[in-house]
Amino acid sequence: MTEPAAPSGPIHVVVDLNRCQAYAQCCFFAPDVFKLHGEEALWYDPEPDASQRERVLRAAAVCPVQAITVAWSEAANRQKVEVPHA
């Protein structure tokens, strides 16, 4: 079964920093969006460029604690997509 295509348009990234355990898997998959500052502090771009879309979706999918949520702009599609754990 194929998964439905993700909506196009601007994305918004939210990381639950209380859930994040700094495994940094997101940093490997989308280094221009997620950066580990020191050993525990995650910095991220909440509104990454559209060119980062696939990388961000992969990063969210590989997060071992599912701390990353990706939402599409309400103006674009009025829907939110939870990325399932891989």
N, C-alpha and C. Protein backbone atom coordinates (compact mmCIF):
# COMPACT_ATOMS: atom_id res chain seq x y z
N MET A 1 0.85 -1.16 0.00
CA MET A 1 0.00 0.00 0.00
C MET A 1 0.90 1.23 0.00
N THR A 2 0.60 2.20 -0.86
CA THR A 2 1.39 3.42 -0.90
C THR A 2 0.78 4.46 0.02
N GLU A 3 1.66 5.25 0.61
CA GLU A 3 1.21 6.29 1.51
C GLU A 3 0.73 7.48 0.69
N PRO A 4 -0.27 8.22 1.18
CA PRO A 4 -0.72 9.41 0.46
C PRO A 4 0.39 10.44 0.43
N ALA A 5 0.44 11.20 -0.64
CA ALA A 5 1.47 12.23 -0.77
C ALA A 5 1.27 13.31 0.27
N ALA A 6 2.37 13.80 0.79
CA ALA A 6 2.30 14.89 1.77
C ALA A 6 1.86 16.15 1.05
N PRO A 7 1.11 17.00 1.72
CA PRO A 7 0.68 18.25 1.09
C PRO A 7 1.88 19.10 0.71
N SER A 8 1.69 19.92 -0.30
CA SER A 8 2.76 20.83 -0.68
C SER A 8 2.58 22.13 0.10
N GLY A 9 3.52 23.00 0.00
CA GLY A 9 3.42 24.29 0.67
C GLY A 9 4.37 24.39 1.84
N PRO A 10 4.37 25.55 2.48
CA PRO A 10 5.28 25.79 3.60
C PRO A 10 5.00 24.85 4.76
N ILE A 11 6.06 24.47 5.45
CA ILE A 11 5.91 23.60 6.61
C ILE A 11 6.32 24.34 7.88
N HIS A 12 5.81 23.84 8.97
CA HIS A 12 6.15 24.38 10.28
C HIS A 12 6.58 23.20 11.15
N VAL A 13 7.73 23.33 11.78
CA VAL A 13 8.30 22.26 12.60
C VAL A 13 8.17 22.64 14.07
N VAL A 14 7.73 21.68 14.86
CA VAL A 14 7.67 21.86 16.31
C VAL A 14 8.37 20.67 16.94
N VAL A 15 9.29 20.94 17.86
CA VAL A 15 9.96 19.89 18.60
C VAL A 15 9.55 19.99 20.06
N ASP A 16 9.06 18.90 20.60
CA ASP A 16 8.72 18.86 22.02
C ASP A 16 10.04 18.69 22.77
N LEU A 17 10.56 19.80 23.26
CA LEU A 17 11.88 19.77 23.90
C LEU A 17 11.87 19.06 25.25
N ASN A 18 10.69 18.84 25.82
CA ASN A 18 10.59 18.04 27.03
C ASN A 18 10.73 16.55 26.70
N ARG A 19 10.31 16.17 25.52
CA ARG A 19 10.39 14.77 25.09
C ARG A 19 11.74 14.46 24.46
N CYS A 20 12.33 15.45 23.78
CA CYS A 20 13.61 15.25 23.07
C CYS A 20 14.69 14.78 24.05
N GLN A 21 15.42 13.75 23.65
CA GLN A 21 16.49 13.20 24.49
C GLN A 21 17.87 13.45 23.88
N ALA A 22 17.95 14.31 22.87
CA ALA A 22 19.21 14.70 22.22
C ALA A 22 19.95 13.53 21.57
N TYR A 23 19.19 12.59 21.00
CA TYR A 23 19.83 11.50 20.25
C TYR A 23 20.44 12.03 18.95
N ALA A 24 19.97 13.19 18.49
CA ALA A 24 20.52 13.92 17.34
C ALA A 24 20.32 13.22 15.99
N GLN A 25 19.42 12.28 15.91
CA GLN A 25 19.15 11.65 14.61
C GLN A 25 18.65 12.69 13.61
N CYS A 26 17.86 13.63 14.08
CA CYS A 26 17.35 14.69 13.20
C CYS A 26 18.50 15.52 12.62
N CYS A 27 19.54 15.71 13.39
CA CYS A 27 20.69 16.51 12.94
C CYS A 27 21.42 15.84 11.78
N PHE A 28 21.40 14.52 11.75
CA PHE A 28 22.04 13.79 10.65
C PHE A 28 21.20 13.86 9.37
N PHE A 29 19.88 13.82 9.52
CA PHE A 29 19.00 13.80 8.36
C PHE A 29 18.70 15.19 7.81
N ALA A 30 18.69 16.20 8.66
CA ALA A 30 18.41 17.57 8.21
C ALA A 30 19.32 18.55 8.94
N PRO A 31 20.61 18.52 8.64
CA PRO A 31 21.56 19.35 9.38
C PRO A 31 21.37 20.86 9.20
N ASP A 32 20.70 21.27 8.13
CA ASP A 32 20.45 22.71 7.95
C ASP A 32 19.26 23.19 8.76
N VAL A 33 18.51 22.26 9.33
CA VAL A 33 17.32 22.61 10.10
C VAL A 33 17.51 22.34 11.60
N PHE A 34 18.17 21.22 11.93
CA PHE A 34 18.37 20.82 13.33
C PHE A 34 19.85 20.85 13.67
N LYS A 35 20.18 21.46 14.80
CA LYS A 35 21.58 21.50 15.26
C LYS A 35 21.61 21.24 16.76
N LEU A 36 22.54 20.41 17.17
CA LEU A 36 22.72 20.15 18.59
C LEU A 36 23.75 21.14 19.10
N HIS A 37 23.37 21.94 20.06
CA HIS A 37 24.26 22.95 20.64
C HIS A 37 24.72 22.41 21.98
N GLY A 38 25.99 22.12 22.07
CA GLY A 38 26.50 21.47 23.27
C GLY A 38 26.11 20.00 23.23
N GLU A 39 25.87 19.41 24.37
CA GLU A 39 25.54 17.99 24.40
C GLU A 39 24.05 17.72 24.49
N GLU A 40 23.27 18.73 24.85
CA GLU A 40 21.85 18.47 25.08
C GLU A 40 20.88 19.46 24.45
N ALA A 41 21.29 20.65 24.10
CA ALA A 41 20.36 21.67 23.62
C ALA A 41 20.17 21.58 22.11
N LEU A 42 18.94 21.33 21.69
CA LEU A 42 18.63 21.26 20.27
C LEU A 42 18.14 22.63 19.80
N TRP A 43 18.77 23.12 18.74
CA TRP A 43 18.31 24.32 18.08
C TRP A 43 17.70 23.88 16.77
N TYR A 44 16.62 24.49 16.35
CA TYR A 44 16.01 24.12 15.08
C TYR A 44 15.30 25.31 14.46
N ASP A 45 15.11 25.24 13.16
CA ASP A 45 14.41 26.27 12.40
C ASP A 45 12.94 25.86 12.33
N PRO A 46 12.03 26.59 12.95
CA PRO A 46 10.63 26.19 12.96
C PRO A 46 9.94 26.34 11.60
N GLU A 47 10.52 27.13 10.70
CA GLU A 47 9.93 27.32 9.38
C GLU A 47 11.02 27.16 8.32
N PRO A 48 11.46 25.93 8.09
CA PRO A 48 12.55 25.71 7.14
C PRO A 48 12.12 25.98 5.70
N ASP A 49 13.10 26.22 4.89
CA ASP A 49 12.90 26.44 3.47
C ASP A 49 12.26 25.20 2.83
N ALA A 50 11.47 25.41 1.80
CA ALA A 50 10.78 24.30 1.12
C ALA A 50 11.76 23.25 0.60
N SER A 51 12.99 23.65 0.31
CA SER A 51 13.98 22.70 -0.19
C SER A 51 14.38 21.66 0.86
N GLN A 52 14.06 21.93 2.12
CA GLN A 52 14.40 21.03 3.23
C GLN A 52 13.26 20.07 3.57
N ARG A 53 12.15 20.17 2.87
CA ARG A 53 10.93 19.42 3.20
C ARG A 53 11.16 17.92 3.38
N GLU A 54 11.74 17.28 2.40
CA GLU A 54 11.97 15.82 2.47
C GLU A 54 12.90 15.46 3.61
N ARG A 55 13.94 16.25 3.80
CA ARG A 55 14.89 15.98 4.88
C ARG A 55 14.21 16.10 6.25
N VAL A 56 13.37 17.11 6.39
CA VAL A 56 12.66 17.31 7.66
C VAL A 56 11.70 16.15 7.93
N LEU A 57 10.98 15.72 6.90
CA LEU A 57 10.06 14.59 7.07
C LEU A 57 10.81 13.32 7.47
N ARG A 58 11.97 13.09 6.87
CA ARG A 58 12.78 11.93 7.25
C ARG A 58 13.29 12.06 8.68
N ALA A 59 13.73 13.26 9.03
CA ALA A 59 14.23 13.49 10.39
C ALA A 59 13.13 13.23 11.42
N ALA A 60 11.93 13.68 11.13
CA ALA A 60 10.81 13.45 12.05
C ALA A 60 10.50 11.96 12.15
N ALA A 61 10.60 11.26 11.04
CA ALA A 61 10.29 9.82 11.04
C ALA A 61 11.31 9.00 11.83
N VAL A 62 12.56 9.44 11.86
CA VAL A 62 13.58 8.65 12.56
C VAL A 62 13.78 9.05 14.02
N CYS A 63 13.08 10.07 14.47
CA CYS A 63 13.23 10.49 15.87
C CYS A 63 12.82 9.34 16.79
N PRO A 64 13.75 8.84 17.61
CA PRO A 64 13.44 7.67 18.43
C PRO A 64 12.37 7.92 19.50
N VAL A 65 12.15 9.18 19.86
CA VAL A 65 11.14 9.47 20.89
C VAL A 65 9.94 10.23 20.31
N GLN A 66 9.89 10.34 18.99
CA GLN A 66 8.79 11.01 18.29
C GLN A 66 8.52 12.41 18.82
N ALA A 67 9.58 13.19 18.97
CA ALA A 67 9.46 14.54 19.51
C ALA A 67 9.19 15.60 18.45
N ILE A 68 9.26 15.23 17.16
CA ILE A 68 9.13 16.20 16.08
C ILE A 68 7.77 16.09 15.42
N THR A 69 7.09 17.23 15.32
CA THR A 69 5.82 17.31 14.62
C THR A 69 6.00 18.25 13.45
N VAL A 70 5.49 17.85 12.29
CA VAL A 70 5.54 18.68 11.10
C VAL A 70 4.11 19.05 10.73
N ALA A 71 3.88 20.34 10.57
CA ALA A 71 2.55 20.83 10.19
C ALA A 71 2.69 21.66 8.92
N TRP A 72 1.67 21.58 8.09
CA TRP A 72 1.64 22.41 6.90
C TRP A 72 0.90 23.69 7.24
N SER A 73 1.29 24.76 6.59
CA SER A 73 0.67 26.05 6.82
C SER A 73 -0.84 25.94 6.65
N GLU A 74 -1.59 26.54 7.56
CA GLU A 74 -3.05 26.49 7.45
C GLU A 74 -3.52 27.17 6.18
N ALA A 75 -2.82 28.17 5.76
CA ALA A 75 -3.20 28.86 4.53
C ALA A 75 -3.04 27.94 3.32
N ALA A 76 -2.06 27.04 3.38
CA ALA A 76 -1.80 26.16 2.24
C ALA A 76 -2.82 25.03 2.16
N ASN A 77 -3.01 24.28 3.23
CA ASN A 77 -3.87 23.10 3.15
C ASN A 77 -4.78 22.86 4.34
N ARG A 78 -4.64 23.66 5.38
CA ARG A 78 -5.45 23.50 6.58
C ARG A 78 -5.43 22.08 7.13
N GLN A 79 -4.23 21.49 7.17
CA GLN A 79 -4.12 20.17 7.77
C GLN A 79 -2.77 20.00 8.45
N LYS A 80 -2.75 19.12 9.42
CA LYS A 80 -1.55 18.82 10.17
C LYS A 80 -1.23 17.35 9.93
N VAL A 81 0.03 17.05 9.77
CA VAL A 81 0.43 15.68 9.52
C VAL A 81 1.37 15.23 10.61
N GLU A 82 1.03 14.19 11.31
CA GLU A 82 1.93 13.58 12.27
C GLU A 82 2.74 12.56 11.50
N VAL A 83 4.03 12.63 11.63
CA VAL A 83 4.90 11.70 10.91
C VAL A 83 5.03 10.45 11.76
N PRO A 84 4.65 9.28 11.22
CA PRO A 84 4.72 8.05 12.01
C PRO A 84 6.15 7.65 12.29
N HIS A 85 6.34 6.99 13.40
CA HIS A 85 7.65 6.50 13.76
C HIS A 85 8.08 5.42 12.78
N ALA A 86 9.30 5.51 12.29
CA ALA A 86 9.80 4.54 11.31
C ALA A 86 10.16 3.24 11.94
